[in-house]
Amino acid sequence: MPHVIRLRGPWRCEALARTRRRADGTSEIVSGELPPAGQIQVPSDWGEVLGENFRGRVRYSRRFNRPSGMSAVRRVDLVIECVDAFGAVALNDDVLGTIPPGLHVFRSDLTARLKPHNRLTIDVELPECLDFSAALARRGRDGRPGGLIGEVRLEIFAAE
């Protein structure tokens, strides 16, 4: 059983762009003023910081230190339970991967990438318009803002 460190907050929540999804699956930027950045706890959507009606690309960022006692650690995983709707994850500006709509758990081994001080960024995009599969994946959240709606945590596995 791993030791768990929950990365609940505070997170910085910053709107990067208002977007609309094209038929080919790419995003296009829609003109419009962006709301100011703010602090947020996770899990939650961005409604309390950016407004209930904001649709677009938002960057969640949080700093954390490498867990102590790493010599006794076999592996450290980053686990993201759910984003709404699309996501992209980076640690210290190194891309870890993307999260498609409907993926309920994203997991990445951070062991070799951890530095004494780390910055985790998760870009979440809920465009103004969604294709059918993305809209289907967020069933039950219609009309609600996007965001990091699942827990974000480190799972630390001890060396045997």
Protein backbone atom coordinates (compact mmCIF):
# COMPACT_ATOMS: atom_id res chain seq x y z
CA MET A 1 0.00 0.00 0.00
CA PRO A 2 1.50 3.37 -0.99
CA HIS A 3 1.94 6.40 1.24
CA VAL A 4 -0.30 9.15 -0.18
CA ILE A 5 0.31 12.92 -0.31
CA ARG A 6 -2.77 14.79 -1.49
CA LEU A 7 -2.03 17.94 -3.51
CA ARG A 8 -5.19 19.82 -2.57
CA GLY A 9 -3.95 23.34 -2.51
CA PRO A 10 -3.54 26.07 -2.79
CA TRP A 11 -3.30 25.89 -6.58
CA ARG A 12 -2.97 28.89 -8.89
CA CYS A 13 -5.80 28.93 -11.42
CA GLU A 14 -5.17 31.08 -14.50
CA ALA A 15 -7.22 31.44 -17.68
CA LEU A 16 -4.95 31.07 -20.74
CA ALA A 17 -7.48 31.49 -23.56
CA ARG A 18 -11.13 31.32 -24.48
CA THR A 19 -11.42 28.44 -26.95
CA ARG A 20 -13.81 26.72 -29.30
CA ARG A 21 -13.36 23.14 -30.57
CA ARG A 22 -13.09 22.71 -34.35
CA ALA A 23 -14.55 19.74 -36.24
CA ASP A 24 -11.03 18.30 -36.68
CA GLY A 25 -10.56 18.12 -32.88
CA THR A 26 -8.19 21.08 -32.61
CA SER A 27 -8.95 24.23 -30.67
CA GLU A 28 -9.17 27.76 -31.90
CA ILE A 29 -8.86 30.83 -29.73
CA VAL A 30 -11.94 32.99 -29.40
CA SER A 31 -11.39 36.69 -28.73
CA GLY A 32 -12.46 38.02 -25.41
CA GLU A 33 -11.14 39.38 -22.17
CA LEU A 34 -9.83 36.82 -19.70
CA PRO A 35 -10.81 36.78 -16.03
CA PRO A 36 -8.05 37.39 -13.45
CA ALA A 37 -6.12 34.47 -11.95
CA GLY A 38 -6.76 33.30 -8.41
CA GLN A 39 -6.12 30.61 -5.80
CA ILE A 40 -8.20 27.43 -5.62
CA GLN A 41 -8.40 24.16 -3.72
CA VAL A 42 -8.54 20.88 -5.66
CA PRO A 43 -10.68 18.99 -6.46
CA SER A 44 -13.03 21.64 -7.81
CA ASP A 45 -14.07 23.31 -11.02
CA TRP A 46 -12.86 26.80 -11.90
CA GLY A 47 -16.25 28.47 -11.39
CA GLU A 48 -15.41 30.22 -8.11
CA VAL A 49 -12.28 31.83 -9.58
CA LEU A 50 -13.01 32.37 -13.28
CA GLY A 51 -16.81 32.40 -13.29
CA GLU A 52 -19.44 29.78 -13.99
CA ASN A 53 -19.67 30.70 -17.69
CA PHE A 54 -15.97 30.70 -18.60
CA ARG A 55 -15.09 28.21 -21.34
CA GLY A 56 -11.54 27.77 -22.54
CA ARG A 57 -8.05 26.70 -21.49
CA VAL A 58 -6.99 27.11 -17.86
CA ARG A 59 -3.65 26.43 -16.19
CA TYR A 60 -3.60 24.95 -12.69
CA SER A 61 -0.14 25.13 -11.12
CA ARG A 62 1.25 24.11 -7.77
CA ARG A 63 4.70 23.85 -6.25
CA PHE A 64 5.79 21.00 -4.00
CA ASN A 65 9.03 19.62 -2.60
CA ARG A 66 10.44 16.19 -3.29
CA PRO A 67 9.21 13.80 -0.59
CA SER A 68 11.81 13.23 2.11
CA GLY A 69 13.54 9.88 2.54
CA MET A 70 13.80 9.21 -1.21
CA SER A 71 16.57 6.65 -0.67
CA ALA A 72 13.93 4.34 0.84
CA VAL A 73 11.51 4.97 -2.04
CA ARG A 74 11.09 2.60 -4.96
CA ARG A 75 8.66 4.73 -6.95
CA VAL A 76 6.66 7.99 -6.78
CA ASP A 77 3.56 8.20 -8.99
CA LEU A 78 1.47 11.23 -9.83
CA VAL A 79 -2.23 10.33 -9.91
CA ILE A 80 -4.88 12.66 -11.33
CA GLU A 81 -8.36 11.25 -10.86
CA CYS A 82 -10.34 13.38 -13.31
CA VAL A 83 -10.21 16.54 -15.41
CA ASP A 84 -13.12 18.15 -17.22
CA ALA A 85 -12.78 17.93 -20.20
CA PHE A 86 -9.27 17.75 -21.82
CA GLY A 87 -5.95 17.91 -19.96
CA ALA A 88 -2.18 18.23 -20.45
CA VAL A 89 0.26 17.56 -17.60
CA ALA A 90 3.84 18.80 -17.06
CA LEU A 91 6.35 18.60 -14.23
CA ASN A 92 9.07 21.28 -14.21
CA ASP A 93 8.12 22.11 -17.83
CA ASP A 94 8.63 18.48 -18.96
CA VAL A 95 5.47 17.12 -20.58
CA LEU A 96 4.14 14.01 -18.84
CA GLY A 97 1.16 13.41 -21.10
CA THR A 98 -2.34 14.36 -22.14
CA ILE A 99 -5.68 13.43 -20.66
CA PRO A 100 -8.58 12.80 -23.07
CA PRO A 101 -12.22 13.36 -22.08
CA GLY A 102 -13.62 10.49 -20.07
CA LEU A 103 -10.28 9.22 -18.74
CA HIS A 104 -10.89 8.86 -15.03
CA VAL A 105 -7.34 8.18 -13.82
CA PHE A 106 -4.08 9.55 -15.23
CA ARG A 107 -0.92 8.04 -13.71
CA SER A 108 2.73 8.91 -14.34
CA ASP A 109 5.93 7.70 -12.68
CA LEU A 110 7.77 10.79 -11.40
CA THR A 111 10.62 9.03 -9.58
CA ALA A 112 13.46 10.01 -11.93
CA ARG A 113 12.00 13.46 -12.70
CA LEU A 114 11.66 14.81 -9.17
CA LYS A 115 13.88 17.71 -8.13
CA PRO A 116 14.23 19.20 -4.63
CA HIS A 117 11.62 21.83 -5.65
CA ASN A 118 8.99 21.00 -8.30
CA ARG A 119 6.27 22.79 -10.24
CA LEU A 120 3.31 20.76 -11.45
CA THR A 121 1.10 22.27 -14.15
CA ILE A 122 -2.13 20.84 -15.44
CA ASP A 123 -3.74 22.65 -18.36
CA VAL A 124 -7.45 21.88 -18.51
CA GLU A 125 -9.56 22.80 -21.49
CA LEU A 126 -13.32 22.94 -21.71
CA PRO A 127 -14.00 24.64 -25.05
CA GLU A 128 -17.07 26.67 -25.85
CA CYS A 129 -18.14 23.93 -28.31
CA LEU A 130 -17.45 20.21 -27.87
CA ASP A 131 -17.56 17.35 -30.34
CA PHE A 132 -20.05 14.56 -29.61
CA SER A 133 -17.61 12.18 -27.88
CA ALA A 134 -16.30 14.90 -25.54
CA ALA A 135 -19.83 16.05 -24.71
CA LEU A 136 -20.81 12.44 -23.99
CA ALA A 137 -17.76 11.97 -21.72
CA ARG A 138 -18.84 14.86 -19.50
CA ARG A 139 -22.45 13.74 -19.19
CA GLY A 140 -23.88 14.98 -15.90
CA ARG A 141 -21.72 18.12 -15.97
CA ASP A 142 -23.60 19.92 -18.75
CA GLY A 143 -23.62 23.66 -18.14
CA ARG A 144 -21.02 23.43 -15.37
CA PRO A 145 -17.50 24.89 -15.53
CA GLY A 146 -14.49 22.66 -16.25
CA GLY A 147 -11.47 22.03 -14.09
CA LEU A 148 -9.57 19.60 -11.91
CA ILE A 149 -12.64 17.82 -10.56
CA GLY A 150 -10.80 14.77 -9.21
CA GLU A 151 -8.14 14.40 -6.56
CA VAL A 152 -4.48 15.00 -7.43
CA ARG A 153 -1.97 13.06 -5.34
CA LEU A 154 1.46 11.53 -5.07
CA GLU A 155 1.61 7.81 -4.31
CA ILE A 156 4.92 6.81 -2.74
CA PHE A 157 5.91 3.15 -2.87
CA ALA A 158 8.59 2.04 -0.42
CA ALA A 159 11.61 0.01 -1.50
CA GLU A 160 11.29 -3.64 -0.53
